[in-house]
Amino acid sequence: MNKDKLLVIGLGNLLMGDDGAGIHIVHELQRRRLPDHVDLIDGGTAGVGLVDILSSYRRVIVIDAIADNGGDPSGIRLFSPDDLILREGEGDYSIHDVELTSILCLMKSLDMEIPDITIMGIPAAMIAPGLGLSEGCGRFIPEAVEWIVEMRQGVTKDLQKKCRKRGG
């Protein structure tokens, strides 16, 4: 059990352009010297495998690409699983939000403890077969890495306020 650790998990597919943003951020974080109480996982497109992973942690940051609303990315967004459920179908959250929402609903139906989850959405400009990130998406990677470093230090609420001021 990793109940005293923070899990940072990146979701996405490196073979689909900006869809791999979460994975790129986790890889960048792996290059840094993070404390032992932070676990980094390349979650790829884990699916139902997320149940076991998420249930092992008390606090989780999920990083994923978000729809950019027709080419007008407004920046990194922080939101909760409740935001996914309440706004399902509006199309401006995680590209994998249906999968994540289903996983959380499954955990709830099994009476499993759901961790405190913060979802970090990285605007995706290009979701198509290909390696690497678009310039529009790639420019958010350094900022996202810094936010994760700050979030692991427990300043999530300040970051959420900052995000709202930016229009997120």
C-alpha atoms as a PDB file:
ATOM      1  CA  MET A   1       0.000   0.000   0.000  1.00  0.00           C
ATOM      2  CA  ASN A   2       1.138   3.491  -0.830  1.00  0.00           C
ATOM      3  CA  LYS A   3      -1.387   5.409   1.261  1.00  0.00           C
ATOM      4  CA  ASP A   4       1.200   7.943   2.453  1.00  0.00           C
ATOM      5  CA  LYS A   5       2.521   8.626  -1.026  1.00  0.00           C
ATOM      6  CA  LEU A   6       1.395  10.961  -3.787  1.00  0.00           C
ATOM      7  CA  LEU A   7       0.793   9.311  -7.143  1.00  0.00           C
ATOM      8  CA  VAL A   8       1.328  11.312 -10.324  1.00  0.00           C
ATOM      9  CA  ILE A   9      -0.020   9.374 -13.293  1.00  0.00           C
ATOM     10  CA  GLY A  10       0.136  10.476 -16.911  1.00  0.00           C
ATOM     11  CA  LEU A  11      -2.500   9.171 -19.308  1.00  0.00           C
ATOM     12  CA  GLY A  12      -2.405   9.122 -23.074  1.00  0.00           C
ATOM     13  CA  ASN A  13      -0.939   7.565 -26.182  1.00  0.00           C
ATOM     14  CA  LEU A  14       2.516   8.672 -27.343  1.00  0.00           C
ATOM     15  CA  LEU A  15       1.665   7.530 -30.884  1.00  0.00           C
ATOM     16  CA  MET A  16      -1.225  10.013 -31.194  1.00  0.00           C
ATOM     17  CA  GLY A  17       0.477  13.413 -31.040  1.00  0.00           C
ATOM     18  CA  ASP A  18      -0.782  15.667 -28.244  1.00  0.00           C
ATOM     19  CA  ASP A  19      -2.727  12.789 -26.707  1.00  0.00           C
ATOM     20  CA  GLY A  20       0.626  11.793 -25.158  1.00  0.00           C
ATOM     21  CA  ALA A  21       0.997  15.057 -23.182  1.00  0.00           C
ATOM     22  CA  GLY A  22       0.435  13.354 -19.819  1.00  0.00           C
ATOM     23  CA  ILE A  23       3.110  10.776 -20.614  1.00  0.00           C
ATOM     24  CA  HIS A  24       5.592  13.446 -21.736  1.00  0.00           C
ATOM     25  CA  ILE A  25       5.089  15.297 -18.440  1.00  0.00           C
ATOM     26  CA  VAL A  26       5.657  12.136 -16.376  1.00  0.00           C
ATOM     27  CA  HIS A  27       8.843  11.447 -18.360  1.00  0.00           C
ATOM     28  CA  GLU A  28      10.042  14.993 -17.665  1.00  0.00           C
ATOM     29  CA  LEU A  29       9.265  14.590 -13.957  1.00  0.00           C
ATOM     30  CA  GLN A  30      11.270  11.332 -13.937  1.00  0.00           C
ATOM     31  CA  ARG A  31      14.329  13.379 -14.915  1.00  0.00           C
ATOM     32  CA  ARG A  32      13.966  15.434 -11.733  1.00  0.00           C
ATOM     33  CA  ARG A  33      14.925  14.382  -8.268  1.00  0.00           C
ATOM     34  CA  LEU A  34      11.556  14.073  -6.540  1.00  0.00           C
ATOM     35  CA  PRO A  35      11.109  12.968  -2.933  1.00  0.00           C
ATOM     36  CA  ASP A  36      10.538   9.318  -2.087  1.00  0.00           C
ATOM     37  CA  HIS A  37       6.896  10.017  -1.194  1.00  0.00           C
ATOM     38  CA  VAL A  38       6.073  10.791  -4.866  1.00  0.00           C
ATOM     39  CA  ASP A  39       5.410   7.917  -7.269  1.00  0.00           C
ATOM     40  CA  LEU A  40       5.358   8.560 -11.019  1.00  0.00           C
ATOM     41  CA  ILE A  41       3.508   6.223 -13.382  1.00  0.00           C
ATOM     42  CA  ASP A  42       3.212   6.232 -17.158  1.00  0.00           C
ATOM     43  CA  GLY A  43      -0.433   5.142 -17.223  1.00  0.00           C
ATOM     44  CA  GLY A  44      -0.722   5.037 -20.993  1.00  0.00           C
ATOM     45  CA  THR A  45      -4.237   3.898 -21.769  1.00  0.00           C
ATOM     46  CA  ALA A  46      -4.504   1.724 -18.652  1.00  0.00           C
ATOM     47  CA  GLY A  47      -8.284   1.212 -18.678  1.00  0.00           C
ATOM     48  CA  VAL A  48      -9.634  -0.968 -15.883  1.00  0.00           C
ATOM     49  CA  GLY A  49      -6.074  -1.413 -14.593  1.00  0.00           C
ATOM     50  CA  LEU A  50      -6.472   2.040 -13.088  1.00  0.00           C
ATOM     51  CA  VAL A  51      -8.743   0.593 -10.375  1.00  0.00           C
ATOM     52  CA  ASP A  52      -5.890  -1.216  -8.623  1.00  0.00           C
ATOM     53  CA  ILE A  53      -3.484   1.669  -9.121  1.00  0.00           C
ATOM     54  CA  LEU A  54      -5.834   4.394  -7.839  1.00  0.00           C
ATOM     55  CA  SER A  55      -7.074   2.361  -4.883  1.00  0.00           C
ATOM     56  CA  SER A  56      -3.529   2.098  -3.548  1.00  0.00           C
ATOM     57  CA  TYR A  57      -3.122   5.842  -2.963  1.00  0.00           C
ATOM     58  CA  ARG A  58      -4.720   8.510  -0.827  1.00  0.00           C
ATOM     59  CA  ARG A  59      -3.761  11.429  -3.113  1.00  0.00           C
ATOM     60  CA  VAL A  60      -3.473  11.303  -6.911  1.00  0.00           C
ATOM     61  CA  ILE A  61      -2.704  13.784  -9.683  1.00  0.00           C
ATOM     62  CA  VAL A  62      -3.886  12.579 -13.100  1.00  0.00           C
ATOM     63  CA  ILE A  63      -2.371  14.365 -16.105  1.00  0.00           C
ATOM     64  CA  ASP A  64      -4.157  14.091 -19.430  1.00  0.00           C
ATOM     65  CA  ALA A  65      -4.725  15.934 -22.675  1.00  0.00           C
ATOM     66  CA  ILE A  66      -7.910  18.006 -22.931  1.00  0.00           C
ATOM     67  CA  ALA A  67      -9.864  19.099 -25.974  1.00  0.00           C
ATOM     68  CA  ASP A  68      -8.815  22.562 -27.074  1.00  0.00           C
ATOM     69  CA  ASN A  69     -12.263  23.747 -28.146  1.00  0.00           C
ATOM     70  CA  GLY A  70     -11.573  24.334 -31.825  1.00  0.00           C
ATOM     71  CA  GLY A  71      -7.993  25.569 -31.665  1.00  0.00           C
ATOM     72  CA  ASP A  72      -8.422  28.058 -28.813  1.00  0.00           C
ATOM     73  CA  PRO A  73      -6.507  26.506 -25.920  1.00  0.00           C
ATOM     74  CA  SER A  74      -6.990  28.604 -22.792  1.00  0.00           C
ATOM     75  CA  GLY A  75      -4.265  26.971 -20.764  1.00  0.00           C
ATOM     76  CA  ILE A  76      -3.764  24.250 -18.235  1.00  0.00           C
ATOM     77  CA  ARG A  77      -6.876  23.361 -16.264  1.00  0.00           C
ATOM     78  CA  LEU A  78      -7.208  21.749 -12.867  1.00  0.00           C
ATOM     79  CA  PHE A  79     -10.426  19.977 -12.030  1.00  0.00           C
ATOM     80  CA  SER A  80     -11.905  17.195  -9.940  1.00  0.00           C
ATOM     81  CA  PRO A  81     -13.556  13.903 -10.834  1.00  0.00           C
ATOM     82  CA  ASP A  82     -16.899  15.515  -9.879  1.00  0.00           C
ATOM     83  CA  ASP A  83     -16.316  18.075 -12.639  1.00  0.00           C
ATOM     84  CA  LEU A  84     -16.054  15.198 -15.127  1.00  0.00           C
ATOM     85  CA  ILE A  85     -19.264  13.604 -13.948  1.00  0.00           C
ATOM     86  CA  LEU A  86     -21.267  16.845 -13.778  1.00  0.00           C
ATOM     87  CA  ARG A  87     -20.092  18.089 -17.180  1.00  0.00           C
ATOM     88  CA  GLU A  88     -19.964  14.778 -19.021  1.00  0.00           C
ATOM     89  CA  GLY A  89     -20.693  15.276 -22.692  1.00  0.00           C
ATOM     90  CA  GLU A  90     -19.651  18.920 -22.893  1.00  0.00           C
ATOM     91  CA  GLY A  91     -16.338  17.936 -24.487  1.00  0.00           C
ATOM     92  CA  ASP A  92     -13.861  20.310 -22.852  1.00  0.00           C
ATOM     93  CA  TYR A  93     -12.271  18.020 -20.305  1.00  0.00           C
ATOM     94  CA  SER A  94      -9.893  15.107 -20.529  1.00  0.00           C
ATOM     95  CA  ILE A  95      -9.849  13.185 -23.768  1.00  0.00           C
ATOM     96  CA  HIS A  96      -9.994  10.074 -21.566  1.00  0.00           C
ATOM     97  CA  ASP A  97     -12.613  11.443 -19.166  1.00  0.00           C
ATOM     98  CA  VAL A  98     -15.243   8.829 -20.028  1.00  0.00           C
ATOM     99  CA  GLU A  99     -12.781   6.062 -19.191  1.00  0.00           C
ATOM    100  CA  LEU A 100     -11.710   7.770 -15.949  1.00  0.00           C
ATOM    101  CA  THR A 101     -15.324   8.507 -14.993  1.00  0.00           C
ATOM    102  CA  SER A 102     -16.232   4.840 -15.592  1.00  0.00           C
ATOM    103  CA  ILE A 103     -13.316   3.702 -13.442  1.00  0.00           C
ATOM    104  CA  LEU A 104     -14.357   6.000 -10.590  1.00  0.00           C
ATOM    105  CA  CYS A 105     -17.984   4.849 -10.844  1.00  0.00           C
ATOM    106  CA  LEU A 106     -16.805   1.230 -10.761  1.00  0.00           C
ATOM    107  CA  MET A 107     -14.731   1.907  -7.654  1.00  0.00           C
ATOM    108  CA  LYS A 108     -17.706   3.568  -6.000  1.00  0.00           C
ATOM    109  CA  SER A 109     -20.044   0.705  -6.879  1.00  0.00           C
ATOM    110  CA  LEU A 110     -17.540  -1.730  -5.342  1.00  0.00           C
ATOM    111  CA  ASP A 111     -17.429   0.396  -2.171  1.00  0.00           C
ATOM    112  CA  MET A 112     -13.747   1.088  -2.751  1.00  0.00           C
ATOM    113  CA  GLU A 113     -12.140   4.146  -1.261  1.00  0.00           C
ATOM    114  CA  ILE A 114     -11.629   6.775  -3.951  1.00  0.00           C
ATOM    115  CA  PRO A 115      -8.508   8.871  -3.428  1.00  0.00           C
ATOM    116  CA  ASP A 116      -8.342  12.657  -3.430  1.00  0.00           C
ATOM    117  CA  ILE A 117      -7.824  13.212  -7.165  1.00  0.00           C
ATOM    118  CA  THR A 118      -6.774  16.363  -8.981  1.00  0.00           C
ATOM    119  CA  ILE A 119      -6.911  16.172 -12.760  1.00  0.00           C
ATOM    120  CA  MET A 120      -4.527  18.376 -14.717  1.00  0.00           C
ATOM    121  CA  GLY A 121      -5.693  18.981 -18.277  1.00  0.00           C
ATOM    122  CA  ILE A 122      -3.136  19.941 -20.907  1.00  0.00           C
ATOM    123  CA  PRO A 123      -4.618  21.596 -24.037  1.00  0.00           C
ATOM    124  CA  ALA A 124      -4.218  19.386 -27.098  1.00  0.00           C
ATOM    125  CA  ALA A 125      -4.096  20.985 -30.526  1.00  0.00           C
ATOM    126  CA  MET A 126      -3.401  17.874 -32.616  1.00  0.00           C
ATOM    127  CA  ILE A 127      -4.721  14.389 -31.901  1.00  0.00           C
ATOM    128  CA  ALA A 128      -3.652  12.314 -34.888  1.00  0.00           C
ATOM    129  CA  PRO A 129      -1.192   9.504 -35.562  1.00  0.00           C
ATOM    130  CA  GLY A 130       2.332  10.781 -35.085  1.00  0.00           C
ATOM    131  CA  LEU A 131       5.124  11.110 -32.569  1.00  0.00           C
ATOM    132  CA  GLY A 132       5.793  14.227 -30.517  1.00  0.00           C
ATOM    133  CA  LEU A 133       3.729  17.163 -29.369  1.00  0.00           C
ATOM    134  CA  SER A 134       2.512  20.104 -31.387  1.00  0.00           C
ATOM    135  CA  GLU A 135       4.102  23.457 -30.616  1.00  0.00           C
ATOM    136  CA  GLY A 136       0.819  24.638 -29.060  1.00  0.00           C
ATOM    137  CA  CYS A 137       0.677  21.706 -26.642  1.00  0.00           C
ATOM    138  CA  GLY A 138       4.407  21.438 -26.012  1.00  0.00           C
ATOM    139  CA  ARG A 139       4.603  24.979 -24.683  1.00  0.00           C
ATOM    140  CA  PHE A 140       2.557  23.901 -21.631  1.00  0.00           C
ATOM    141  CA  ILE A 141       4.935  21.110 -20.577  1.00  0.00           C
ATOM    142  CA  PRO A 142       7.422  23.216 -18.516  1.00  0.00           C
ATOM    143  CA  GLU A 143       4.562  25.000 -16.732  1.00  0.00           C
ATOM    144  CA  ALA A 144       2.795  21.714 -15.986  1.00  0.00           C
ATOM    145  CA  VAL A 145       5.998  20.217 -14.569  1.00  0.00           C
ATOM    146  CA  GLU A 146       6.426  23.220 -12.263  1.00  0.00           C
ATOM    147  CA  TRP A 147       2.773  22.979 -11.155  1.00  0.00           C
ATOM    148  CA  ILE A 148       3.236  19.296 -10.306  1.00  0.00           C
ATOM    149  CA  VAL A 149       6.330  20.113  -8.256  1.00  0.00           C
ATOM    150  CA  GLU A 150       4.304  22.753  -6.380  1.00  0.00           C
ATOM    151  CA  MET A 151       1.279  20.453  -6.014  1.00  0.00           C
ATOM    152  CA  ARG A 152       3.362  17.754  -4.383  1.00  0.00           C
ATOM    153  CA  GLN A 153       4.264  20.375  -1.792  1.00  0.00           C
ATOM    154  CA  GLY A 154       0.570  20.784  -0.932  1.00  0.00           C
ATOM    155  CA  VAL A 155      -0.300  24.091  -2.577  1.00  0.00           C
ATOM    156  CA  THR A 156      -3.082  22.753  -4.811  1.00  0.00           C
ATOM    157  CA  LYS A 157      -5.682  25.321  -3.698  1.00  0.00           C
ATOM    158  CA  ASP A 158      -3.387  28.227  -4.628  1.00  0.00           C
ATOM    159  CA  LEU A 159      -2.814  26.652  -8.034  1.00  0.00           C
ATOM    160  CA  GLN A 160      -6.547  26.220  -8.577  1.00  0.00           C
ATOM    161  CA  LYS A 161      -7.062  29.934  -7.854  1.00  0.00           C
ATOM    162  CA  LYS A 162      -4.243  30.802 -10.259  1.00  0.00           C
ATOM    163  CA  CYS A 163      -5.799  28.538 -12.879  1.00  0.00           C
ATOM    164  CA  ARG A 164      -9.238  30.189 -12.512  1.00  0.00           C
ATOM    165  CA  LYS A 165      -7.669  33.635 -12.951  1.00  0.00           C
ATOM    166  CA  ARG A 166      -6.184  32.420 -16.253  1.00  0.00           C
ATOM    167  CA  GLY A 167      -9.611  31.315 -17.432  1.00  0.00           C
ATOM    168  CA  GLY A 168      -9.272  27.603 -16.634  1.00  0.00           C
END
